Amino acid sequence: MPPRLARALAGSPDAEVVEAASSWYVDNGEVVAAVDTTFASGDRAGVARLLASLPSYLVDAFTYGELRAVVGDLPPDAVARPRPG
C-alpha cells in the first residue's frame, strides 16, 4: 500500500479514504486486503458492496473459510441485496 494511504488508515479513516485504499488493493490484485481494509473500517455494508462488485475470478482469491467468515459477519440486509457503488 502506498505510504500516504497507510498513514491515512492509521487514524480514524473516513469512507473516502477507505474506498481509495480498497480500490488500490483491488487494482493491484490484492482483493483479500481490499476486503480486510473495508471490514476493519467497520463499514459492513461497504464490504457487501465490494464483494458484489468483484468479478467471480477475483472472489476466487478467498478461501472458503475466509469468505464464510466475512459474509457471516455482514448484516442480513447487506447480504440479502448488496448493491455495487
C-alpha atoms as a PDB file:
ATOM      1  CA  MET A   1       0.000   0.000   0.000  1.00  0.00           C
ATOM      2  CA  PRO A   2       1.290   3.479  -0.731  1.00  0.00           C
ATOM      3  CA  PRO A   3       2.684   5.132   2.417  1.00  0.00           C
ATOM      4  CA  ARG A   4       0.180   8.006   2.230  1.00  0.00           C
ATOM      5  CA  LEU A   5      -2.766   5.581   2.337  1.00  0.00           C
ATOM      6  CA  ALA A   6      -1.161   3.618   5.160  1.00  0.00           C
ATOM      7  CA  ARG A   7      -0.791   6.813   7.219  1.00  0.00           C
ATOM      8  CA  ALA A   8      -4.379   7.850   6.495  1.00  0.00           C
ATOM      9  CA  LEU A   9      -5.714   4.470   7.570  1.00  0.00           C
ATOM     10  CA  ALA A  10      -3.706   4.539  10.793  1.00  0.00           C
ATOM     11  CA  GLY A  11      -6.085   7.106  12.270  1.00  0.00           C
ATOM     12  CA  SER A  12      -9.827   7.087  12.085  1.00  0.00           C
ATOM     13  CA  PRO A  13     -10.410   6.691   8.346  1.00  0.00           C
ATOM     14  CA  ASP A  14     -13.332   8.251   6.574  1.00  0.00           C
ATOM     15  CA  ALA A  15     -15.286   6.467   3.883  1.00  0.00           C
ATOM     16  CA  GLU A  16     -13.404   8.188   1.054  1.00  0.00           C
ATOM     17  CA  VAL A  17     -10.005   7.067   2.369  1.00  0.00           C
ATOM     18  CA  VAL A  18     -11.215   3.511   2.909  1.00  0.00           C
ATOM     19  CA  GLU A  19     -12.667   3.391  -0.596  1.00  0.00           C
ATOM     20  CA  ALA A  20      -9.415   4.724  -2.078  1.00  0.00           C
ATOM     21  CA  ALA A  21      -7.364   2.136  -0.202  1.00  0.00           C
ATOM     22  CA  SER A  22      -9.702  -0.695  -1.173  1.00  0.00           C
ATOM     23  CA  SER A  23      -9.682   0.393  -4.808  1.00  0.00           C
ATOM     24  CA  TRP A  24      -5.890   0.496  -4.773  1.00  0.00           C
ATOM     25  CA  TYR A  25      -5.785  -3.035  -3.412  1.00  0.00           C
ATOM     26  CA  VAL A  26      -8.283  -4.334  -5.995  1.00  0.00           C
ATOM     27  CA  ASP A  27      -6.404  -2.602  -8.819  1.00  0.00           C
ATOM     28  CA  ASN A  28      -3.226  -4.329  -7.636  1.00  0.00           C
ATOM     29  CA  GLY A  29      -4.813  -7.766  -7.362  1.00  0.00           C
ATOM     30  CA  GLU A  30      -4.981  -7.752  -3.565  1.00  0.00           C
ATOM     31  CA  VAL A  31      -8.698  -8.379  -3.118  1.00  0.00           C
ATOM     32  CA  VAL A  32      -8.376 -10.000   0.298  1.00  0.00           C
ATOM     33  CA  ALA A  33      -6.564  -6.897   1.557  1.00  0.00           C
ATOM     34  CA  ALA A  34      -9.270  -4.709  -0.001  1.00  0.00           C
ATOM     35  CA  VAL A  35     -11.973  -6.554   1.897  1.00  0.00           C
ATOM     36  CA  ASP A  36      -9.891  -6.582   5.100  1.00  0.00           C
ATOM     37  CA  THR A  37      -9.403  -2.812   4.850  1.00  0.00           C
ATOM     38  CA  THR A  38     -13.096  -2.128   4.354  1.00  0.00           C
ATOM     39  CA  PHE A  39     -14.045  -4.622   7.060  1.00  0.00           C
ATOM     40  CA  ALA A  40     -11.598  -3.055   9.543  1.00  0.00           C
ATOM     41  CA  SER A  41     -13.205   0.353   8.956  1.00  0.00           C
ATOM     42  CA  GLY A  42     -16.485  -1.004  10.321  1.00  0.00           C
ATOM     43  CA  ASP A  43     -18.348  -0.478   7.047  1.00  0.00           C
ATOM     44  CA  ARG A  44     -20.057  -3.863   6.782  1.00  0.00           C
ATOM     45  CA  ALA A  45     -22.410  -2.668   4.019  1.00  0.00           C
ATOM     46  CA  GLY A  46     -19.304  -1.452   2.148  1.00  0.00           C
ATOM     47  CA  VAL A  47     -17.839  -4.945   2.391  1.00  0.00           C
ATOM     48  CA  ALA A  48     -21.003  -6.376   0.856  1.00  0.00           C
ATOM     49  CA  ARG A  49     -20.888  -3.790  -1.953  1.00  0.00           C
ATOM     50  CA  LEU A  50     -17.221  -4.531  -2.577  1.00  0.00           C
ATOM     51  CA  LEU A  51     -17.786  -8.293  -2.744  1.00  0.00           C
ATOM     52  CA  ALA A  52     -20.782  -7.828  -5.036  1.00  0.00           C
ATOM     53  CA  SER A  53     -18.739  -5.637  -7.379  1.00  0.00           C
ATOM     54  CA  LEU A  54     -15.914  -8.138  -7.812  1.00  0.00           C
ATOM     55  CA  PRO A  55     -15.821 -10.439 -10.822  1.00  0.00           C
ATOM     56  CA  SER A  56     -16.032 -14.075  -9.783  1.00  0.00           C
ATOM     57  CA  TYR A  57     -12.410 -14.795 -10.694  1.00  0.00           C
ATOM     58  CA  LEU A  58     -11.307 -12.251  -8.064  1.00  0.00           C
ATOM     59  CA  VAL A  59     -13.610 -13.738  -5.424  1.00  0.00           C
ATOM     60  CA  ASP A  60     -11.691 -16.971  -6.009  1.00  0.00           C
ATOM     61  CA  ALA A  61      -8.748 -15.315  -4.204  1.00  0.00           C
ATOM     62  CA  PHE A  62     -10.537 -16.084  -0.929  1.00  0.00           C
ATOM     63  CA  THR A  63     -10.515 -19.460   0.730  1.00  0.00           C
ATOM     64  CA  TYR A  64     -13.924 -20.828   1.573  1.00  0.00           C
ATOM     65  CA  GLY A  65     -13.249 -20.203   5.265  1.00  0.00           C
ATOM     66  CA  GLU A  66     -12.241 -16.565   4.692  1.00  0.00           C
ATOM     67  CA  LEU A  67     -15.284 -15.832   2.591  1.00  0.00           C
ATOM     68  CA  ARG A  68     -17.616 -17.583   5.006  1.00  0.00           C
ATOM     69  CA  ALA A  69     -16.174 -15.632   7.957  1.00  0.00           C
ATOM     70  CA  VAL A  70     -16.569 -12.296   6.168  1.00  0.00           C
ATOM     71  CA  VAL A  71     -20.085 -12.955   4.895  1.00  0.00           C
ATOM     72  CA  GLY A  72     -21.086 -14.354   8.292  1.00  0.00           C
ATOM     73  CA  ASP A  73     -20.211 -11.011   9.899  1.00  0.00           C
ATOM     74  CA  LEU A  74     -22.265  -8.905   7.485  1.00  0.00           C
ATOM     75  CA  PRO A  75     -25.684  -7.548   8.449  1.00  0.00           C
ATOM     76  CA  PRO A  76     -28.564  -9.591   6.977  1.00  0.00           C
ATOM     77  CA  ASP A  77     -29.856  -6.682   4.884  1.00  0.00           C
ATOM     78  CA  ALA A  78     -26.425  -6.206   3.261  1.00  0.00           C
ATOM     79  CA  VAL A  79     -26.203  -9.862   2.312  1.00  0.00           C
ATOM     80  CA  ALA A  80     -29.772 -10.025   1.030  1.00  0.00           C
ATOM     81  CA  ARG A  81     -29.355  -7.258  -1.535  1.00  0.00           C
ATOM     82  CA  PRO A  82     -25.833  -5.895  -1.866  1.00  0.00           C
ATOM     83  CA  ARG A  83     -25.643  -3.113  -4.427  1.00  0.00           C
ATOM     84  CA  PRO A  84     -22.385  -2.096  -6.091  1.00  0.00           C
ATOM     85  CA  GLY A  85     -21.493   1.585  -5.990  1.00  0.00           C
END
